[in-house]
N, C-alpha and C. Protein backbone atom coordinates (compact mmCIF):
# COMPACT_ATOMS: atom_id res chain seq x y z
N UNK A 1 91.40 -60.52 -22.62
CA UNK A 1 90.49 -59.59 -23.30
C UNK A 1 89.99 -60.19 -24.62
N UNK A 2 90.86 -60.85 -25.34
CA UNK A 2 90.45 -61.47 -26.63
C UNK A 2 89.38 -62.50 -26.42
N UNK A 3 89.50 -63.32 -25.38
CA UNK A 3 88.51 -64.36 -25.16
C UNK A 3 87.17 -63.72 -24.75
N UNK A 4 87.19 -62.71 -23.89
CA UNK A 4 85.94 -62.05 -23.53
C UNK A 4 85.32 -61.34 -24.70
N UNK A 5 86.14 -60.73 -25.56
CA UNK A 5 85.63 -60.06 -26.75
C UNK A 5 84.96 -61.07 -27.66
N UNK A 6 85.62 -62.21 -27.84
CA UNK A 6 85.07 -63.28 -28.71
C UNK A 6 83.72 -63.77 -28.17
N UNK A 7 83.69 -64.02 -26.86
CA UNK A 7 82.47 -64.53 -26.24
C UNK A 7 81.35 -63.47 -26.33
N UNK A 8 81.71 -62.25 -26.06
CA UNK A 8 80.70 -61.16 -26.14
C UNK A 8 80.19 -61.00 -27.57
N UNK A 9 81.08 -61.14 -28.54
CA UNK A 9 80.69 -61.03 -29.92
C UNK A 9 79.70 -62.14 -30.31
N UNK A 10 79.97 -63.34 -29.81
CA UNK A 10 79.06 -64.46 -30.09
C UNK A 10 77.68 -64.24 -29.48
N UNK A 11 77.66 -63.61 -28.35
CA UNK A 11 76.39 -63.50 -27.56
C UNK A 11 75.69 -62.13 -27.70
N UNK A 12 76.27 -61.18 -28.44
CA UNK A 12 75.75 -59.83 -28.39
C UNK A 12 74.32 -59.70 -28.87
N UNK A 13 73.83 -60.58 -29.73
CA UNK A 13 72.46 -60.50 -30.22
C UNK A 13 71.58 -61.62 -29.64
N UNK A 14 71.95 -62.16 -28.51
CA UNK A 14 71.15 -63.19 -27.84
C UNK A 14 69.72 -62.73 -27.63
N UNK A 15 69.54 -61.44 -27.33
CA UNK A 15 68.20 -60.92 -27.07
C UNK A 15 67.29 -61.03 -28.29
N UNK A 16 67.84 -60.93 -29.48
CA UNK A 16 67.04 -61.11 -30.68
C UNK A 16 66.50 -62.53 -30.71
N UNK A 17 67.34 -63.48 -30.42
CA UNK A 17 66.90 -64.88 -30.39
C UNK A 17 65.78 -65.11 -29.34
N UNK A 18 65.97 -64.44 -28.18
CA UNK A 18 64.97 -64.57 -27.10
C UNK A 18 63.63 -63.97 -27.53
N UNK A 19 63.69 -62.79 -28.17
CA UNK A 19 62.44 -62.17 -28.69
C UNK A 19 61.81 -63.09 -29.75
N UNK A 20 62.59 -63.54 -30.69
CA UNK A 20 62.06 -64.39 -31.78
C UNK A 20 61.47 -65.67 -31.27
N UNK A 21 62.10 -66.26 -30.28
CA UNK A 21 61.60 -67.57 -29.77
C UNK A 21 60.40 -67.41 -28.86
N UNK A 22 60.31 -66.30 -28.12
CA UNK A 22 59.27 -66.17 -27.12
C UNK A 22 58.12 -65.27 -27.55
N UNK A 23 58.40 -64.38 -28.46
CA UNK A 23 57.40 -63.43 -28.98
C UNK A 23 57.52 -63.26 -30.48
N UNK A 24 57.37 -64.36 -31.21
CA UNK A 24 57.68 -64.29 -32.65
C UNK A 24 56.86 -63.31 -33.42
N UNK A 25 55.56 -63.22 -33.16
CA UNK A 25 54.72 -62.27 -33.88
C UNK A 25 55.12 -60.84 -33.61
N UNK A 26 55.33 -60.50 -32.35
CA UNK A 26 55.70 -59.14 -32.00
C UNK A 26 57.09 -58.78 -32.55
N UNK A 27 57.99 -59.76 -32.50
CA UNK A 27 59.34 -59.49 -33.07
C UNK A 27 59.29 -59.29 -34.55
N UNK A 28 58.51 -60.10 -35.25
CA UNK A 28 58.31 -59.91 -36.70
C UNK A 28 57.79 -58.51 -37.00
N UNK A 29 56.85 -58.10 -36.21
CA UNK A 29 56.26 -56.77 -36.40
C UNK A 29 57.31 -55.67 -36.11
N UNK A 30 58.11 -55.89 -35.11
CA UNK A 30 59.18 -54.90 -34.79
C UNK A 30 60.18 -54.83 -35.94
N UNK A 31 60.55 -55.98 -36.48
CA UNK A 31 61.50 -56.01 -37.64
C UNK A 31 60.87 -55.24 -38.80
N UNK A 32 59.63 -55.51 -39.10
CA UNK A 32 58.94 -54.85 -40.23
C UNK A 32 58.84 -53.36 -39.95
N UNK A 33 58.56 -52.95 -38.75
CA UNK A 33 58.43 -51.55 -38.39
C UNK A 33 59.81 -50.86 -38.58
N UNK A 34 60.87 -51.48 -38.12
CA UNK A 34 62.19 -50.89 -38.24
C UNK A 34 62.54 -50.70 -39.69
N UNK A 35 62.23 -51.70 -40.50
CA UNK A 35 62.52 -51.55 -41.96
C UNK A 35 61.65 -50.50 -42.56
N UNK A 36 60.37 -50.55 -42.30
CA UNK A 36 59.45 -49.60 -42.91
C UNK A 36 59.71 -48.17 -42.53
N UNK A 37 60.09 -47.98 -41.33
CA UNK A 37 60.33 -46.61 -40.82
C UNK A 37 61.78 -46.17 -40.92
N UNK A 38 62.63 -47.07 -41.44
CA UNK A 38 64.07 -46.80 -41.59
C UNK A 38 64.67 -46.39 -40.23
N UNK A 39 64.32 -47.17 -39.21
CA UNK A 39 64.82 -46.89 -37.84
C UNK A 39 65.66 -48.08 -37.42
N UNK A 40 66.51 -47.90 -36.43
CA UNK A 40 67.27 -48.96 -35.87
C UNK A 40 66.36 -49.93 -35.15
N UNK A 41 66.62 -51.22 -35.28
CA UNK A 41 65.81 -52.22 -34.62
C UNK A 41 65.77 -51.99 -33.13
N UNK A 42 66.91 -51.66 -32.53
CA UNK A 42 66.90 -51.52 -31.05
C UNK A 42 66.02 -50.36 -30.63
N UNK A 43 65.84 -49.32 -31.42
CA UNK A 43 64.94 -48.23 -31.10
C UNK A 43 63.51 -48.71 -31.13
N UNK A 44 63.15 -49.49 -32.11
CA UNK A 44 61.79 -50.02 -32.26
C UNK A 44 61.53 -50.97 -31.14
N UNK A 45 62.50 -51.84 -30.82
CA UNK A 45 62.32 -52.82 -29.74
C UNK A 45 62.04 -52.08 -28.42
N UNK A 46 62.71 -51.03 -28.17
CA UNK A 46 62.47 -50.26 -26.94
C UNK A 46 61.03 -49.75 -26.86
N UNK A 47 60.54 -49.33 -28.03
CA UNK A 47 59.19 -48.82 -28.10
C UNK A 47 58.15 -49.98 -27.98
N UNK A 48 58.38 -51.10 -28.67
CA UNK A 48 57.45 -52.20 -28.70
C UNK A 48 57.49 -53.04 -27.43
N UNK A 49 58.67 -53.39 -26.99
CA UNK A 49 58.87 -54.30 -25.85
C UNK A 49 59.16 -53.59 -24.53
N UNK A 50 59.58 -52.36 -24.60
CA UNK A 50 60.00 -51.67 -23.38
C UNK A 50 61.46 -51.96 -23.01
N UNK A 51 62.12 -52.71 -23.86
CA UNK A 51 63.55 -53.10 -23.67
C UNK A 51 64.11 -53.46 -25.03
N UNK A 52 65.41 -53.35 -25.17
CA UNK A 52 66.06 -53.74 -26.41
C UNK A 52 66.61 -55.15 -26.30
N UNK A 53 66.97 -55.70 -27.49
CA UNK A 53 67.54 -57.08 -27.46
C UNK A 53 68.84 -57.05 -26.69
N UNK A 54 69.57 -55.94 -26.69
CA UNK A 54 70.81 -55.82 -25.94
C UNK A 54 70.55 -55.92 -24.45
N UNK A 55 69.50 -55.22 -23.98
CA UNK A 55 69.21 -55.26 -22.56
C UNK A 55 68.67 -56.59 -22.12
N UNK A 56 67.82 -57.20 -22.94
CA UNK A 56 67.29 -58.53 -22.57
C UNK A 56 68.39 -59.56 -22.57
N UNK A 57 69.25 -59.54 -23.57
CA UNK A 57 70.37 -60.49 -23.65
C UNK A 57 71.30 -60.30 -22.47
N UNK A 58 71.61 -59.08 -22.13
CA UNK A 58 72.51 -58.84 -20.99
C UNK A 58 71.91 -59.31 -19.68
N UNK A 59 70.58 -59.15 -19.57
CA UNK A 59 69.90 -59.60 -18.35
C UNK A 59 70.04 -61.11 -18.17
N UNK A 60 69.80 -61.86 -19.25
CA UNK A 60 69.92 -63.29 -19.19
C UNK A 60 71.37 -63.69 -18.91
N UNK A 61 72.33 -63.05 -19.55
CA UNK A 61 73.75 -63.36 -19.32
C UNK A 61 74.10 -63.07 -17.86
N UNK A 62 73.53 -62.06 -17.31
CA UNK A 62 73.78 -61.75 -15.89
C UNK A 62 73.22 -62.85 -15.00
N UNK A 63 72.03 -63.32 -15.31
CA UNK A 63 71.40 -64.40 -14.53
C UNK A 63 72.26 -65.67 -14.63
N UNK A 64 72.86 -65.88 -15.86
CA UNK A 64 73.74 -67.03 -16.03
C UNK A 64 75.10 -66.89 -15.37
N UNK A 65 75.40 -65.69 -14.87
CA UNK A 65 76.65 -65.46 -14.12
C UNK A 65 77.86 -65.19 -15.01
N UNK A 66 77.66 -64.73 -16.23
CA UNK A 66 78.80 -64.41 -17.08
C UNK A 66 79.54 -63.17 -16.54
N UNK A 67 80.82 -63.02 -16.91
CA UNK A 67 81.60 -61.88 -16.39
C UNK A 67 81.00 -60.53 -16.81
N UNK A 68 81.23 -59.54 -15.97
CA UNK A 68 80.74 -58.21 -16.18
C UNK A 68 81.15 -57.58 -17.50
N UNK A 69 82.37 -57.80 -17.90
CA UNK A 69 82.85 -57.27 -19.17
C UNK A 69 82.01 -57.75 -20.37
N UNK A 70 81.62 -59.01 -20.30
CA UNK A 70 80.77 -59.57 -21.36
C UNK A 70 79.38 -58.97 -21.32
N UNK A 71 78.82 -58.86 -20.16
CA UNK A 71 77.51 -58.26 -19.96
C UNK A 71 77.50 -56.82 -20.42
N UNK A 72 78.53 -56.06 -20.01
CA UNK A 72 78.63 -54.65 -20.44
C UNK A 72 78.72 -54.54 -21.97
N UNK A 73 79.45 -55.47 -22.56
CA UNK A 73 79.63 -55.44 -24.01
C UNK A 73 78.31 -55.71 -24.73
N UNK A 74 77.55 -56.65 -24.22
CA UNK A 74 76.26 -56.98 -24.82
C UNK A 74 75.24 -55.85 -24.62
N UNK A 75 75.13 -55.34 -23.43
CA UNK A 75 74.14 -54.29 -23.20
C UNK A 75 74.43 -52.98 -23.89
N UNK A 76 75.69 -52.72 -24.20
CA UNK A 76 76.08 -51.46 -24.76
C UNK A 76 76.58 -51.54 -26.19
N UNK A 77 76.34 -52.63 -26.91
CA UNK A 77 76.96 -52.74 -28.21
C UNK A 77 76.40 -51.77 -29.27
N UNK A 78 75.29 -51.14 -28.97
CA UNK A 78 74.79 -50.14 -29.89
C UNK A 78 75.15 -48.68 -29.42
N UNK A 79 75.48 -48.54 -28.16
CA UNK A 79 75.80 -47.21 -27.67
C UNK A 79 76.79 -47.32 -26.52
N UNK A 80 78.05 -47.62 -26.84
CA UNK A 80 79.05 -47.79 -25.78
C UNK A 80 79.40 -46.54 -25.01
N UNK A 81 79.10 -45.39 -25.54
CA UNK A 81 79.44 -44.15 -24.87
C UNK A 81 78.58 -43.93 -23.63
N UNK A 82 77.56 -44.76 -23.43
CA UNK A 82 76.74 -44.62 -22.23
C UNK A 82 77.41 -45.18 -20.97
N UNK A 83 78.38 -46.08 -21.15
CA UNK A 83 79.12 -46.59 -20.00
C UNK A 83 80.29 -45.67 -19.66
N UNK A 84 80.66 -45.69 -18.45
CA UNK A 84 81.73 -44.81 -17.98
C UNK A 84 83.13 -45.27 -18.36
N UNK A 85 83.28 -46.57 -18.70
CA UNK A 85 84.61 -47.03 -19.03
C UNK A 85 85.06 -46.46 -20.37
N UNK A 86 86.31 -46.05 -20.41
CA UNK A 86 86.86 -45.46 -21.62
C UNK A 86 88.04 -46.18 -22.24
N UNK A 87 88.71 -47.05 -21.57
CA UNK A 87 89.81 -47.76 -22.28
C UNK A 87 89.23 -48.79 -23.23
N UNK A 88 90.08 -49.21 -24.19
CA UNK A 88 89.66 -50.27 -25.08
C UNK A 88 89.25 -51.49 -24.28
N UNK A 89 88.14 -52.07 -24.64
CA UNK A 89 87.61 -53.20 -23.87
C UNK A 89 86.85 -54.14 -24.83
N UNK A 90 86.39 -55.29 -24.32
CA UNK A 90 85.57 -56.13 -25.16
C UNK A 90 84.35 -55.37 -25.73
N UNK A 91 83.81 -54.42 -24.96
CA UNK A 91 82.70 -53.63 -25.43
C UNK A 91 83.07 -52.86 -26.69
N UNK A 92 84.26 -52.29 -26.72
CA UNK A 92 84.73 -51.55 -27.91
C UNK A 92 84.84 -52.48 -29.08
N UNK A 93 85.39 -53.67 -28.85
CA UNK A 93 85.53 -54.64 -29.94
C UNK A 93 84.19 -55.07 -30.51
N UNK A 94 83.25 -55.35 -29.63
CA UNK A 94 81.90 -55.80 -30.09
C UNK A 94 81.18 -54.67 -30.80
N UNK A 95 81.27 -53.48 -30.26
CA UNK A 95 80.64 -52.31 -30.90
C UNK A 95 81.15 -52.12 -32.30
N UNK A 96 82.47 -52.06 -32.45
CA UNK A 96 83.04 -51.82 -33.78
C UNK A 96 82.76 -53.01 -34.70
N UNK A 97 82.92 -54.23 -34.21
CA UNK A 97 82.70 -55.41 -35.09
C UNK A 97 81.23 -55.48 -35.53
N UNK A 98 80.30 -55.16 -34.67
CA UNK A 98 78.88 -55.17 -35.01
C UNK A 98 78.60 -54.22 -36.14
N UNK A 99 79.06 -53.00 -36.03
CA UNK A 99 78.83 -51.97 -37.05
C UNK A 99 79.51 -52.37 -38.37
N UNK A 100 80.75 -52.82 -38.28
CA UNK A 100 81.51 -53.16 -39.50
C UNK A 100 80.83 -54.35 -40.16
N UNK A 101 80.39 -55.34 -39.41
CA UNK A 101 79.70 -56.51 -39.97
C UNK A 101 78.52 -56.07 -40.78
N UNK A 102 77.77 -55.11 -40.25
CA UNK A 102 76.54 -54.64 -40.97
C UNK A 102 76.92 -53.81 -42.19
N UNK A 103 78.10 -53.19 -42.16
CA UNK A 103 78.58 -52.50 -43.36
C UNK A 103 79.03 -53.50 -44.43
N UNK A 104 79.75 -54.52 -44.00
CA UNK A 104 80.28 -55.50 -44.94
C UNK A 104 79.20 -56.37 -45.53
N UNK A 105 78.20 -56.73 -44.76
CA UNK A 105 77.08 -57.59 -45.20
C UNK A 105 75.74 -56.88 -44.93
N UNK A 106 75.44 -55.81 -45.68
CA UNK A 106 74.18 -55.10 -45.41
C UNK A 106 72.96 -55.96 -45.68
N UNK A 107 73.09 -56.98 -46.48
CA UNK A 107 71.96 -57.85 -46.81
C UNK A 107 71.51 -58.65 -45.56
N UNK A 108 72.37 -58.75 -44.52
CA UNK A 108 72.02 -59.47 -43.29
C UNK A 108 71.34 -58.57 -42.28
N UNK A 109 71.19 -57.30 -42.61
CA UNK A 109 70.60 -56.34 -41.67
C UNK A 109 69.10 -56.18 -41.98
N UNK A 110 68.27 -56.31 -40.95
CA UNK A 110 66.86 -56.16 -41.14
C UNK A 110 66.44 -54.69 -41.16
N UNK A 111 67.26 -53.84 -40.59
CA UNK A 111 66.91 -52.42 -40.52
C UNK A 111 68.13 -51.60 -40.94
N UNK A 112 67.95 -50.32 -41.08
CA UNK A 112 69.10 -49.46 -41.40
C UNK A 112 70.20 -49.67 -40.44
N UNK A 113 71.43 -49.66 -40.93
CA UNK A 113 72.56 -49.88 -40.04
C UNK A 113 72.88 -48.58 -39.26
N UNK A 114 73.40 -48.79 -38.06
CA UNK A 114 73.92 -47.65 -37.27
C UNK A 114 75.25 -47.28 -37.88
N UNK A 115 75.61 -46.09 -37.70
CA UNK A 115 76.92 -45.62 -38.14
C UNK A 115 77.97 -45.86 -37.01
N UNK A 116 79.17 -46.11 -37.44
CA UNK A 116 80.23 -46.28 -36.46
C UNK A 116 80.44 -44.95 -35.75
N UNK A 117 80.26 -44.94 -34.46
CA UNK A 117 80.29 -43.71 -33.68
C UNK A 117 81.77 -43.28 -33.49
N UNK A 118 82.22 -42.45 -34.41
CA UNK A 118 83.60 -42.03 -34.36
C UNK A 118 83.90 -41.14 -33.14
N UNK A 119 82.86 -40.51 -32.56
CA UNK A 119 83.09 -39.75 -31.31
C UNK A 119 83.59 -40.67 -30.20
N UNK A 120 82.95 -41.80 -30.09
CA UNK A 120 83.37 -42.78 -29.05
C UNK A 120 84.80 -43.26 -29.31
N UNK A 121 85.06 -43.62 -30.59
CA UNK A 121 86.38 -44.10 -30.89
C UNK A 121 87.42 -43.00 -30.77
N UNK A 122 87.03 -41.76 -31.09
CA UNK A 122 87.94 -40.66 -30.92
C UNK A 122 88.27 -40.44 -29.45
N UNK A 123 87.29 -40.54 -28.57
CA UNK A 123 87.51 -40.43 -27.12
C UNK A 123 88.51 -41.44 -26.66
N UNK A 124 88.54 -42.61 -27.30
CA UNK A 124 89.48 -43.69 -26.95
C UNK A 124 90.82 -43.56 -27.65
N UNK A 125 90.90 -42.57 -28.56
CA UNK A 125 92.11 -42.40 -29.35
C UNK A 125 92.23 -43.48 -30.44
N UNK A 126 91.07 -44.03 -30.89
CA UNK A 126 91.10 -45.13 -31.87
C UNK A 126 90.40 -44.76 -33.20
N UNK A 127 90.01 -43.54 -33.40
CA UNK A 127 89.22 -43.23 -34.61
C UNK A 127 90.00 -43.51 -35.88
N UNK A 128 91.30 -43.33 -35.84
CA UNK A 128 92.06 -43.62 -37.06
C UNK A 128 92.17 -45.09 -37.37
N UNK A 129 91.85 -45.94 -36.41
CA UNK A 129 91.91 -47.40 -36.60
C UNK A 129 90.67 -47.95 -37.33
N UNK A 130 89.60 -47.21 -37.36
CA UNK A 130 88.32 -47.70 -37.91
C UNK A 130 88.49 -48.18 -39.36
N UNK A 131 89.17 -47.42 -40.17
CA UNK A 131 89.38 -47.82 -41.58
C UNK A 131 90.20 -49.08 -41.67
N UNK A 132 91.22 -49.18 -40.84
CA UNK A 132 92.07 -50.38 -40.81
C UNK A 132 91.22 -51.61 -40.43
N UNK A 133 90.33 -51.45 -39.47
CA UNK A 133 89.45 -52.57 -39.03
C UNK A 133 88.53 -52.97 -40.15
N UNK A 134 87.98 -51.99 -40.88
CA UNK A 134 87.09 -52.27 -42.03
C UNK A 134 87.84 -53.11 -43.07
N UNK A 135 89.08 -52.65 -43.39
CA UNK A 135 89.87 -53.37 -44.42
C UNK A 135 90.17 -54.79 -43.95
N UNK A 136 90.51 -54.96 -42.68
CA UNK A 136 90.80 -56.30 -42.15
C UNK A 136 89.58 -57.17 -42.27
N UNK A 137 88.41 -56.67 -41.96
CA UNK A 137 87.19 -57.43 -42.03
C UNK A 137 86.87 -57.80 -43.48
N UNK A 138 87.06 -56.88 -44.40
CA UNK A 138 86.80 -57.20 -45.78
C UNK A 138 87.79 -58.24 -46.30
N UNK A 139 89.06 -58.12 -45.95
CA UNK A 139 90.04 -59.09 -46.35
C UNK A 139 89.73 -60.47 -45.80
N UNK A 140 89.40 -60.52 -44.51
CA UNK A 140 89.02 -61.80 -43.90
C UNK A 140 87.80 -62.42 -44.57
N UNK A 141 86.84 -61.58 -44.92
CA UNK A 141 85.61 -62.02 -45.56
C UNK A 141 85.94 -62.60 -46.96
N UNK A 142 86.79 -61.91 -47.69
CA UNK A 142 87.18 -62.41 -49.01
C UNK A 142 87.97 -63.70 -48.93
N UNK A 143 88.87 -63.81 -47.94
CA UNK A 143 89.65 -65.05 -47.75
C UNK A 143 88.75 -66.19 -47.37
N UNK A 144 87.77 -65.97 -46.53
CA UNK A 144 86.82 -66.98 -46.14
C UNK A 144 86.02 -67.44 -47.37
N UNK A 145 85.54 -66.53 -48.15
CA UNK A 145 84.76 -66.90 -49.38
C UNK A 145 85.60 -67.67 -50.34
N UNK A 146 86.88 -67.28 -50.48
CA UNK A 146 87.79 -68.02 -51.39
C UNK A 146 88.02 -69.42 -50.87
N UNK A 147 88.23 -69.55 -49.57
CA UNK A 147 88.47 -70.89 -48.97
C UNK A 147 87.25 -71.77 -49.13
N UNK A 148 86.06 -71.24 -48.94
CA UNK A 148 84.81 -72.01 -49.09
C UNK A 148 84.67 -72.46 -50.56
N UNK A 149 84.97 -71.54 -51.49
CA UNK A 149 84.88 -71.88 -52.90
C UNK A 149 85.86 -73.00 -53.25
N UNK A 150 87.08 -72.94 -52.74
CA UNK A 150 88.09 -73.95 -53.03
C UNK A 150 87.68 -75.31 -52.46
N UNK A 151 87.06 -75.32 -51.29
CA UNK A 151 86.61 -76.57 -50.69
C UNK A 151 85.46 -77.15 -51.48
N UNK A 152 84.61 -76.32 -52.01
CA UNK A 152 83.44 -76.81 -52.78
C UNK A 152 83.88 -77.47 -54.05
N UNK A 153 84.96 -76.97 -54.66
CA UNK A 153 85.51 -77.53 -55.90
C UNK A 153 86.22 -78.85 -55.68
N UNK A 154 86.89 -78.90 -54.51
CA UNK A 154 87.74 -80.09 -54.20
C UNK A 154 86.91 -81.34 -53.92
């Protein structure tokens, strides 16, 4: 599960790259629209392209023959409650990590961040873990920054 979660995390925004590479003007406009209207990028993508980056990325990963858990994680990383699976899975890990990443580094987000859906985590019996995950991410981020600074000085 850890390997699938890691792979899904690496690939969860593949659709953004596909939009940017193949429809750069429209994708730029979608980014600007999301920012200007304070809407989630995936909502604007659905309106502009008829599909979200999650759906496009999952489609390509499916064509490439990646495992279903990875494809499910990518397609549902903004709304995991739409899938019927309820146990902790790579999808849960990618969903939570994506939200926490945008909380930890809001400057990397082109549009307003989605909130961590505590209903979904509560259904899994994991809502109390969300704060622990946030702290772990912040600690890891600080340790990485400190390590980079030490290497720059050395």
